[in-house]
Protein backbone atom coordinates (compact mmCIF):
# COMPACT_ATOMS: atom_id res chain seq x y z
CA MET A 1 -2.54 -23.28 -20.53
CA LYS A 2 -2.53 -20.19 -22.72
CA SER A 3 -6.07 -19.37 -21.63
CA LEU A 4 -5.08 -19.62 -17.98
CA LYS A 5 -2.23 -17.18 -18.53
CA GLN A 6 -4.60 -14.77 -20.24
CA LEU A 7 -7.12 -15.11 -17.42
CA PHE A 8 -4.65 -14.36 -14.64
CA SER A 9 -2.68 -11.60 -16.35
CA GLY A 10 -3.24 -8.37 -18.20
CA GLY A 11 -6.29 -6.64 -16.70
CA ALA A 12 -6.14 -8.82 -13.56
CA ARG A 13 -2.46 -8.60 -12.78
CA GLN A 14 -2.97 -8.52 -9.06
CA PHE A 15 -4.93 -11.80 -8.99
CA GLY A 16 -2.02 -13.85 -7.65
CA MET A 17 -1.71 -11.90 -4.42
CA VAL A 18 -5.47 -11.56 -4.09
CA PHE A 19 -5.79 -15.35 -4.26
CA ALA A 20 -3.12 -15.72 -1.57
CA LEU A 21 -5.07 -13.28 0.59
CA ALA A 22 -8.29 -15.17 -0.12
CA ALA A 23 -6.68 -18.44 0.94
CA LEU A 24 -5.60 -16.90 4.24
CA ILE A 25 -9.11 -15.54 4.82
CA ALA A 26 -10.62 -18.93 4.05
CA ILE A 27 -8.31 -20.69 6.53
CA PHE A 28 -9.17 -18.32 9.37
CA GLN A 29 -12.84 -18.28 8.41
CA PHE A 30 -12.90 -22.05 8.92
CA THR A 31 -10.73 -22.20 12.04
CA THR A 32 -12.54 -19.34 13.82
CA GLY A 33 -16.02 -20.66 13.10
CA GLY A 34 -16.97 -17.90 10.63
CA LYS A 35 -15.84 -14.89 12.68
CA VAL A 36 -13.49 -13.36 10.12
CA LEU A 37 -16.06 -12.39 7.50
CA THR A 38 -18.68 -10.92 9.80
CA SER A 39 -19.60 -7.32 9.03
CA THR A 40 -18.20 -6.02 12.30
CA ASN A 41 -14.86 -7.78 11.91
CA ALA A 42 -14.51 -6.71 8.27
CA GLN A 43 -15.03 -3.10 9.33
CA ASN A 44 -12.52 -3.49 12.14
CA ILE A 45 -9.87 -4.81 9.74
CA ILE A 46 -10.12 -1.67 7.61
CA ASN A 47 -10.51 0.78 10.48
CA GLY A 48 -7.74 -0.81 12.51
CA ASN A 49 -5.21 -1.03 9.69
CA ALA A 50 -5.97 1.95 7.43
CA TYR A 51 -3.08 3.97 8.85
CA VAL A 52 -0.59 1.14 8.18
CA LEU A 53 -1.85 0.73 4.61
CA ILE A 54 -1.49 4.47 4.02
CA LEU A 55 2.09 4.25 5.28
CA ALA A 56 2.68 1.31 2.91
CA ILE A 57 1.72 3.49 -0.08
CA GLY A 58 4.44 5.99 0.74
CA MET A 59 6.92 3.33 1.81
CA VAL A 60 6.72 1.42 -1.47
CA LEU A 61 7.79 4.55 -3.37
CA VAL A 62 10.71 5.03 -0.98
CA ILE A 63 11.79 1.40 -1.37
CA ILE A 64 11.36 1.42 -5.15
CA ALA A 65 13.70 4.42 -5.25
CA GLY A 66 16.27 2.42 -3.28
CA HIS A 67 15.84 3.95 0.17
CA ILE A 68 14.20 3.07 3.48
CA ASP A 69 12.34 5.27 5.97
CA LEU A 70 12.51 4.37 9.66
CA SER A 71 10.98 7.59 10.94
CA VAL A 72 7.37 7.23 9.79
CA GLY A 73 6.03 6.18 13.18
CA SER A 74 7.73 9.06 14.95
CA VAL A 75 6.61 11.55 12.29
CA ALA A 76 3.02 10.33 12.64
CA ALA A 77 3.26 10.70 16.43
CA VAL A 78 4.66 14.24 16.42
CA VAL A 79 2.10 15.40 13.86
CA GLY A 80 -0.69 13.85 15.92
CA ILE A 81 0.34 15.71 19.07
CA VAL A 82 0.78 19.01 17.19
CA VAL A 83 -2.70 18.76 15.68
CA ALA A 84 -4.29 17.75 18.99
CA LEU A 85 -2.69 20.67 20.84
CA ALA A 86 -3.48 23.13 18.06
CA ILE A 87 -7.17 22.21 18.11
CA ARG A 88 -7.36 22.26 21.90
CA ASP A 89 -5.23 25.31 22.73
CA TRP A 90 -5.66 27.49 19.64
CA GLY A 91 -9.31 26.71 19.08
CA ILE A 92 -8.89 26.13 15.34
CA PRO A 93 -11.50 24.04 13.48
CA TRP A 94 -10.72 20.39 12.88
CA TRP A 95 -10.32 20.76 9.12
CA LEU A 96 -7.73 23.49 9.61
CA GLY A 97 -5.96 21.19 12.05
CA VAL A 98 -5.80 18.51 9.35
CA LEU A 99 -4.28 20.99 6.89
CA LEU A 100 -1.79 22.05 9.57
CA GLY A 101 -0.84 18.42 10.14
CA LEU A 102 -0.25 17.82 6.43
CA ALA A 103 1.87 20.97 6.26
CA VAL A 104 3.96 19.86 9.24
CA GLY A 105 4.43 16.44 7.65
CA ALA A 106 5.51 18.00 4.35
CA LEU A 107 7.95 20.26 6.19
CA ILE A 108 9.47 17.30 8.02
CA GLY A 109 9.70 15.43 4.74
CA ALA A 110 11.42 18.36 3.08
CA TRP A 111 13.93 18.42 5.95
CA GLN A 112 14.74 14.73 5.58
CA GLY A 113 14.60 14.84 1.79
CA ALA A 114 17.15 17.63 1.69
CA TRP A 115 19.63 15.58 3.71
CA VAL A 116 19.15 12.58 1.44
CA ALA A 117 18.95 14.31 -1.94
CA TYR A 118 21.27 17.28 -1.60
CA VAL A 119 23.71 16.38 1.19
CA GLY A 120 24.02 12.73 0.23
CA ILE A 121 23.35 11.10 3.59
CA PRO A 122 21.74 7.67 3.08
CA GLY A 123 18.04 7.50 3.79
CA PHE A 124 18.55 4.78 6.37
CA ILE A 125 20.80 7.01 8.49
CA THR A 126 18.73 10.16 7.92
CA THR A 127 15.48 8.55 8.98
CA LEU A 128 17.11 6.67 11.87
CA ALA A 129 18.11 10.06 13.22
CA GLY A 130 14.62 11.33 12.42
CA MET A 131 13.06 8.46 14.31
CA MET A 132 14.88 9.48 17.50
CA LEU A 133 14.50 13.21 16.87
CA PHE A 134 10.75 13.25 16.28
CA ARG A 135 10.00 10.66 18.95
CA GLY A 136 11.67 12.95 21.43
CA ALA A 137 9.82 15.95 19.95
CA ASN A 138 6.50 14.16 20.42
CA GLN A 139 7.17 13.56 24.09
CA TYR A 140 8.62 17.05 24.63
CA ILE A 141 5.76 18.92 22.95
CA GLY A 142 3.07 16.87 24.65
CA LYS A 143 4.99 16.55 27.93
CA SER A 144 4.32 12.79 27.67
CA ASN A 145 0.61 13.42 28.20
CA THR A 146 -2.41 12.10 26.31
CA ILE A 147 -4.24 14.91 24.50
CA PRO A 148 -7.87 14.27 23.47
CA VAL A 149 -9.29 15.49 20.16
CA PRO A 150 -12.85 16.70 19.47
CA SER A 151 -15.54 14.42 18.09
CA GLN A 152 -15.60 16.22 14.72
CA ILE A 153 -12.14 15.00 13.73
CA GLN A 154 -12.88 11.51 15.02
CA TYR A 155 -15.09 11.03 11.97
CA LEU A 156 -11.94 10.65 9.85
CA GLY A 157 -10.74 7.59 11.70
CA ALA A 158 -13.90 6.09 13.17
CA GLY A 159 -16.69 7.35 10.89
CA TYR A 160 -18.73 5.51 8.27
CA LEU A 161 -20.49 6.45 5.06
CA PRO A 162 -23.79 8.16 5.94
CA GLU A 163 -27.26 6.67 5.80
CA TRP A 164 -29.74 8.16 3.33
CA GLY A 165 -32.58 7.29 0.99
CA PRO A 166 -35.10 4.45 1.20
CA ASN A 167 -34.67 1.48 3.51
CA THR A 168 -33.11 -1.24 1.35
CA GLY A 169 -31.69 -3.29 4.18
CA TYR A 170 -28.22 -2.09 3.23
CA ASN A 171 -26.33 1.16 3.51
CA ASN A 172 -27.18 3.07 0.32
CA SER A 173 -23.87 4.94 0.28
CA THR A 174 -22.03 1.62 0.24
CA LEU A 175 -24.29 0.37 -2.57
CA VAL A 176 -23.48 3.43 -4.66
CA LEU A 177 -19.78 2.89 -3.98
CA CYS A 178 -20.19 -0.71 -5.17
CA LEU A 179 -21.89 0.43 -8.38
CA VAL A 180 -19.10 2.91 -9.13
CA ALA A 181 -16.46 0.24 -8.48
CA CYS A 182 -18.19 -2.28 -10.78
CA LEU A 183 -18.52 0.27 -13.58
CA ALA A 184 -14.84 1.15 -13.19
CA ILE A 185 -13.86 -2.52 -13.46
CA VAL A 186 -15.92 -2.97 -16.63
CA TRP A 187 -14.52 0.24 -18.13
CA ARG A 188 -10.95 -0.82 -17.36
CA GLU A 189 -11.42 -4.22 -19.01
CA LEU A 190 -13.00 -2.73 -22.13
CA ARG A 191 -10.30 -0.07 -22.30
CA ALA A 192 -7.59 -2.73 -22.04
CA ARG A 193 -9.11 -4.73 -24.90
CA GLN A 194 -9.40 -1.61 -27.06
CA THR A 195 -5.79 -0.64 -26.35
CA ARG A 196 -4.55 -4.08 -27.38
CA ARG A 197 -6.51 -3.92 -30.61
CA GLU A 198 -5.13 -0.46 -31.42
CA MET A 199 -1.58 -1.71 -30.81
CA GLY A 200 -2.16 -4.75 -33.05
CA ALA A 201 -1.65 -7.16 -30.16
CA GLU A 202 -3.60 -10.37 -29.76
CA ALA A 203 -6.64 -9.83 -27.56
CA SER A 204 -7.79 -12.53 -25.16
CA PRO A 205 -11.02 -14.37 -26.05
CA MET A 206 -14.21 -12.64 -24.95
CA TRP A 207 -15.11 -15.47 -22.56
CA ILE A 208 -11.91 -14.84 -20.62
CA SER A 209 -12.75 -11.15 -20.22
CA ILE A 210 -16.27 -12.06 -19.10
CA LEU A 211 -14.99 -14.61 -16.57
CA ARG A 212 -12.41 -12.13 -15.29
CA LEU A 213 -15.10 -9.47 -14.88
CA ALA A 214 -17.38 -11.92 -13.13
CA ILE A 215 -14.70 -12.81 -10.58
CA MET A 216 -13.74 -9.23 -9.80
CA ILE A 217 -17.31 -7.93 -9.67
CA GLY A 218 -18.29 -10.92 -7.53
CA VAL A 219 -15.59 -10.01 -4.99
CA VAL A 220 -16.73 -6.37 -4.93
CA VAL A 221 -20.40 -7.32 -4.48
CA TYR A 222 -19.59 -9.76 -1.69
CA ALA A 223 -17.52 -7.12 0.11
CA THR A 224 -20.39 -4.66 -0.32
CA LEU A 225 -22.81 -7.07 1.31
CA ARG A 226 -20.40 -7.47 4.22
CA TYR A 227 -19.79 -3.77 4.75
CA GLY A 228 -23.27 -2.53 3.90
CA SER A 229 -25.29 -4.89 6.10
CA GLY A 230 -23.75 -4.12 9.46
CA ARG A 231 -25.47 -2.62 12.48
CA PRO A 232 -27.32 0.70 11.93
CA GLY A 233 -24.96 3.64 11.62
CA THR A 234 -22.11 1.60 10.19
CA SER A 235 -21.10 0.90 6.61
CA PHE A 236 -17.87 1.22 4.68
CA PRO A 237 -15.41 3.22 6.86
CA ILE A 238 -14.38 6.77 5.96
CA SER A 239 -10.75 5.77 6.50
CA GLY A 240 -11.28 3.05 3.87
CA CYS A 241 -12.59 5.66 1.42
CA ILE A 242 -9.50 7.82 2.00
CA LEU A 243 -7.31 4.75 1.49
CA ALA A 244 -9.12 3.81 -1.73
CA ALA A 245 -8.68 7.32 -3.13
CA LEU A 246 -4.96 7.22 -2.34
CA VAL A 247 -4.54 3.79 -3.95
CA ILE A 248 -6.22 4.95 -7.16
CA GLY A 249 -4.25 8.20 -7.29
CA TYR A 250 -0.84 6.73 -6.54
CA SER A 251 -1.39 3.71 -8.79
CA PHE A 252 -2.14 6.05 -11.67
CA TYR A 253 0.88 8.20 -10.83
CA THR A 254 3.36 5.33 -10.67
CA ARG A 255 2.10 3.55 -13.79
CA ASN A 256 1.02 6.36 -16.11
CA THR A 257 3.18 9.42 -15.49
CA ALA A 258 6.77 10.36 -16.19
CA GLY A 259 7.34 11.05 -12.48
CA GLY A 260 6.34 7.52 -11.57
CA ARG A 261 8.59 6.01 -14.25
CA HIS A 262 11.47 8.12 -12.96
CA ILE A 263 11.11 6.59 -9.48
CA TYR A 264 11.43 3.09 -10.96
CA ALA A 265 14.37 4.19 -13.08
CA VAL A 266 16.24 5.61 -10.09
CA GLY A 267 15.66 2.45 -8.08
CA GLY A 268 16.73 0.20 -10.95
CA ASN A 269 19.95 2.03 -11.76
CA ALA A 270 20.42 5.52 -10.37
CA ARG A 271 23.50 6.30 -12.44
CA ALA A 272 21.94 5.20 -15.70
CA ALA A 273 18.76 7.12 -14.89
CA GLU A 274 20.73 10.30 -14.21
CA LEU A 275 22.61 9.93 -17.49
CA SER A 276 19.24 9.53 -19.21
CA GLY A 277 18.10 12.91 -17.95
CA VAL A 278 16.23 11.91 -14.78
CA LYS A 279 16.54 14.52 -12.03
CA LEU A 280 17.99 12.21 -9.39
CA ARG A 281 17.93 14.71 -6.56
CA ARG A 282 14.37 15.76 -7.33
CA VAL A 283 13.16 12.15 -7.25
CA ASN A 284 14.90 11.40 -3.94
CA PHE A 285 13.59 14.60 -2.41
CA PHE A 286 10.05 13.87 -3.56
CA VAL A 287 9.82 10.30 -2.24
CA MET A 288 11.07 11.34 1.20
CA MET A 289 8.76 14.36 1.45
CA ASN A 290 5.82 12.33 0.16
CA MET A 291 6.48 9.63 2.75
CA SER A 292 6.39 12.07 5.66
CA THR A 293 3.23 13.72 4.34
CA LEU A 294 1.46 10.36 4.19
CA ALA A 295 2.84 9.55 7.65
CA ALA A 296 1.23 12.76 8.89
CA LEU A 297 -2.10 11.69 7.38
CA ALA A 298 -1.78 8.22 8.90
CA GLY A 299 -1.02 9.73 12.30
CA MET A 300 -4.09 11.97 12.18
CA ILE A 301 -6.34 9.07 11.15
CA PHE A 302 -5.01 7.00 14.06
CA VAL A 303 -5.53 9.88 16.51
CA ALA A 304 -9.03 10.40 15.13
CA ARG A 305 -9.89 6.74 15.63
CA SER A 306 -8.44 6.50 19.14
CA GLY A 307 -9.85 9.88 20.18
CA ALA A 308 -6.56 11.16 21.59
CA SER A 309 -2.87 11.59 20.85
CA GLY A 310 -0.44 9.90 23.21
CA PRO A 311 3.33 9.53 23.72
CA GLN A 312 3.36 5.90 22.53
CA ASP A 313 1.62 6.51 19.22
CA GLY A 314 3.51 5.27 16.17
CA ASN A 315 5.70 2.71 17.92
CA GLY A 316 6.62 -0.01 15.42
CA TRP A 317 4.58 1.42 12.56
CA GLU A 318 7.59 1.59 10.29
CA LEU A 319 8.11 -2.15 10.68
CA ASP A 320 4.50 -2.91 9.76
CA ALA A 321 4.72 -0.68 6.68
CA ILE A 322 8.01 -2.19 5.53
CA ALA A 323 6.67 -5.72 6.06
CA ALA A 324 3.59 -4.91 3.97
CA VAL A 325 5.75 -3.62 1.12
CA PHE A 326 8.04 -6.64 1.03
CA VAL A 327 5.22 -9.17 1.37
CA GLY A 328 3.59 -7.30 -1.50
CA GLY A 329 6.52 -8.09 -3.78
CA ALA A 330 8.90 -5.13 -3.58
CA ALA A 331 12.61 -5.80 -4.03
CA VAL A 332 15.09 -4.94 -1.28
CA SER A 333 17.47 -3.54 -3.91
CA GLY A 334 14.82 -1.19 -5.31
CA GLY A 335 13.28 -0.75 -8.73
CA ILE A 336 10.46 -3.29 -8.22
CA GLY A 337 7.15 -2.91 -6.40
CA THR A 338 3.61 -1.62 -6.82
CA VAL A 339 1.14 0.37 -4.76
CA LEU A 340 -1.57 -2.27 -5.15
CA GLY A 341 0.85 -5.06 -4.24
CA SER A 342 1.78 -3.24 -1.03
CA ILE A 343 -1.87 -2.80 -0.11
CA VAL A 344 -2.55 -6.50 -0.62
CA GLY A 345 0.61 -7.32 1.34
CA GLY A 346 -0.62 -5.09 4.15
CA LEU A 347 -4.00 -6.81 4.11
CA VAL A 348 -2.26 -10.20 4.29
CA MET A 349 -0.45 -9.11 7.46
CA ALA A 350 -3.65 -7.53 8.83
CA VAL A 351 -5.72 -10.67 8.26
CA LEU A 352 -2.94 -12.81 9.74
CA ASN A 353 -2.87 -10.61 12.84
CA ASN A 354 -6.66 -10.48 13.10
CA GLY A 355 -7.16 -14.21 12.58
CA LEU A 356 -4.59 -15.15 15.20
CA LEU A 357 -6.17 -12.83 17.74
CA LEU A 358 -9.62 -14.30 17.00
CA LEU A 359 -8.13 -17.72 17.69
CA GLY A 360 -7.00 -16.48 21.10
CA VAL A 361 -3.27 -16.50 20.35
CA ALA A 362 -1.37 -14.27 22.76
CA THR A 363 0.00 -10.97 21.45
CA ASP A 364 3.63 -11.97 21.96
CA ARG A 365 3.12 -15.15 19.93
CA VAL A 366 1.32 -13.19 17.22
CA GLN A 367 4.43 -11.02 16.79
CA ILE A 368 6.63 -14.12 16.61
CA ILE A 369 4.41 -15.74 13.98
CA LYS A 370 4.21 -12.54 11.90
CA GLY A 371 8.00 -12.18 11.96
CA LEU A 372 8.54 -15.79 10.94
CA PHE A 373 5.89 -15.47 8.23
CA LEU A 374 7.60 -12.44 6.72
CA LEU A 375 11.04 -14.02 6.90
CA ALA A 376 9.87 -17.32 5.41
CA ALA A 377 7.95 -15.66 2.56
CA VAL A 378 10.86 -13.50 1.44
CA ALA A 379 13.52 -16.18 2.06
CA LEU A 380 11.61 -18.77 0.03
CA ASP A 381 11.18 -16.36 -2.84
CA VAL A 382 14.86 -15.35 -2.81
CA TYR A 383 15.96 -19.01 -2.69
CA ASN A 384 13.71 -20.03 -5.57
CA LYS A 385 14.97 -17.17 -7.72
CA SER A 386 18.59 -18.02 -6.92
CA GLN A 387 17.95 -21.63 -7.99
CA GLY A 388 16.15 -20.59 -11.16
CA ARG A 389 12.91 -22.10 -9.89
CA PHE A 390 9.39 -20.80 -9.72
CA SER A 391 9.23 -17.59 -7.72
CA ILE A 392 5.88 -16.76 -6.15
CA ILE A 393 6.51 -13.05 -5.65
CA GLY A 394 8.46 -12.79 -8.86
CA SER A 395 5.68 -14.42 -10.88
CA ILE A 396 3.10 -12.21 -9.25
CA MET A 397 5.05 -9.04 -9.99
CA ARG A 398 6.14 -10.00 -13.51
CA PRO A 399 3.07 -8.55 -15.25
CA PHE A 400 3.70 -5.20 -13.58
CA ARG A 401 7.22 -4.87 -14.97
CA ARG A 402 7.58 -2.80 -18.09
CA GLN A 403 9.26 -4.82 -20.83
CA GLU A 404 10.67 -3.26 -23.97
CA PRO A 405 9.86 -5.17 -27.16
CA THR A 406 12.82 -6.87 -28.78
CA PRO A 407 13.54 -5.62 -32.31
CA PRO A 408 12.90 -8.31 -34.95
CA ASP A 409 16.45 -8.14 -36.27
CA ALA A 410 18.13 -8.18 -32.86
CA PRO A 411 20.08 -11.36 -32.05
CA ASN A 412 19.13 -13.18 -28.91
CA GLN A 413 21.36 -13.07 -25.87
CA ALA A 414 22.38 -16.68 -26.15
CA GLY A 415 23.46 -16.11 -29.73
CA GLN A 416 25.54 -13.10 -28.75
CA GLU A 417 27.26 -15.03 -25.98
CA SER A 418 28.05 -17.90 -28.28
CA ILE A 419 29.70 -15.53 -30.74
CA LYS A 420 31.79 -13.81 -28.07
CA THR A 421 32.91 -16.99 -26.33
CA PRO A 422 36.38 -18.03 -27.56
CA VAL A 423 36.90 -21.63 -28.61
CA ALA A 424 39.69 -23.43 -26.75
CA GLY A 425 42.50 -25.06 -28.67
């Protein structure tokens, strides 16, 4: 039992959710006759959901800090139409249009962040107003028309890693990406073992580390074979590369920097965090501005993939992002959640949606099933925690929570309560 805990914790903390995702993939792979894990479908899952997963990265920070953002779809839509019109009417290059879109997103985020952080209006109300405001701005600026974008920018949302080098039967760029990922996994495991030895903690047996590495590297290699063996001209999507870079960057920020710890502190107890020296207003301003900036990026990737910006872009995106975050283990009350968990939660919803469509389930029924799935997953977890029983999401997220070591001479909580409880009679 101890070995199992060591295998599925520590360096592989996300294994619980990954196994849940794998189970869902296996079910649809069987029921669809092997259609889920084809190269084309695997590419479509990433390309078709990259913008939602990018939104989930920003949304998890907002939710951890104790807020909610309902305006992300509208922000993505208005940025998409601004960029499309700027490229078409002003003749600016596509890369300058992308920078313009990020700047517009940051400006919108600063506007909403100021209301939340410095005026004190709750994020729910601020972004509800923003949802209506920027949806109307999208339709006003674009006059409810569809504006095409040039082929150069479409590479961001519909492009793939380039072909080069000798003919190996696979995309060489994807193979290199696989090699880098495998080396990073090995380095992380070795670094974790070294850190535990330096801290005087008990390290897991070497066979557990080897088995853990074998599982993770096996998953990466299998994914590489799926993405790298598709039709000529396709490989791992560019949007997936952007997503991977964001996941790595934001995971490092939330887990290894003071700014990331401050976001968790504010979500856990804002008053206590402020008394501890955390700049409450700065944190609230940052998470709102960051969310809108990522929404701008998501909107441009969607426009690049679809080839045009339209008045209906972004409808319902905020709901997909919020669902991904909560399925990934974030707490409604704030203070709990991870970037990686939100990505896996988003992939769970993406695979659920994709598998149901492959089975021929109508779109309206897909929405009903997704809503019931989200409600059942969170309700079951909340019920189990309230009853003191096993909590799936709670057990998955437990390794991510920072726990302070208990001093050797500190009495346990039960002992303290027994001392303070008066004896009747």
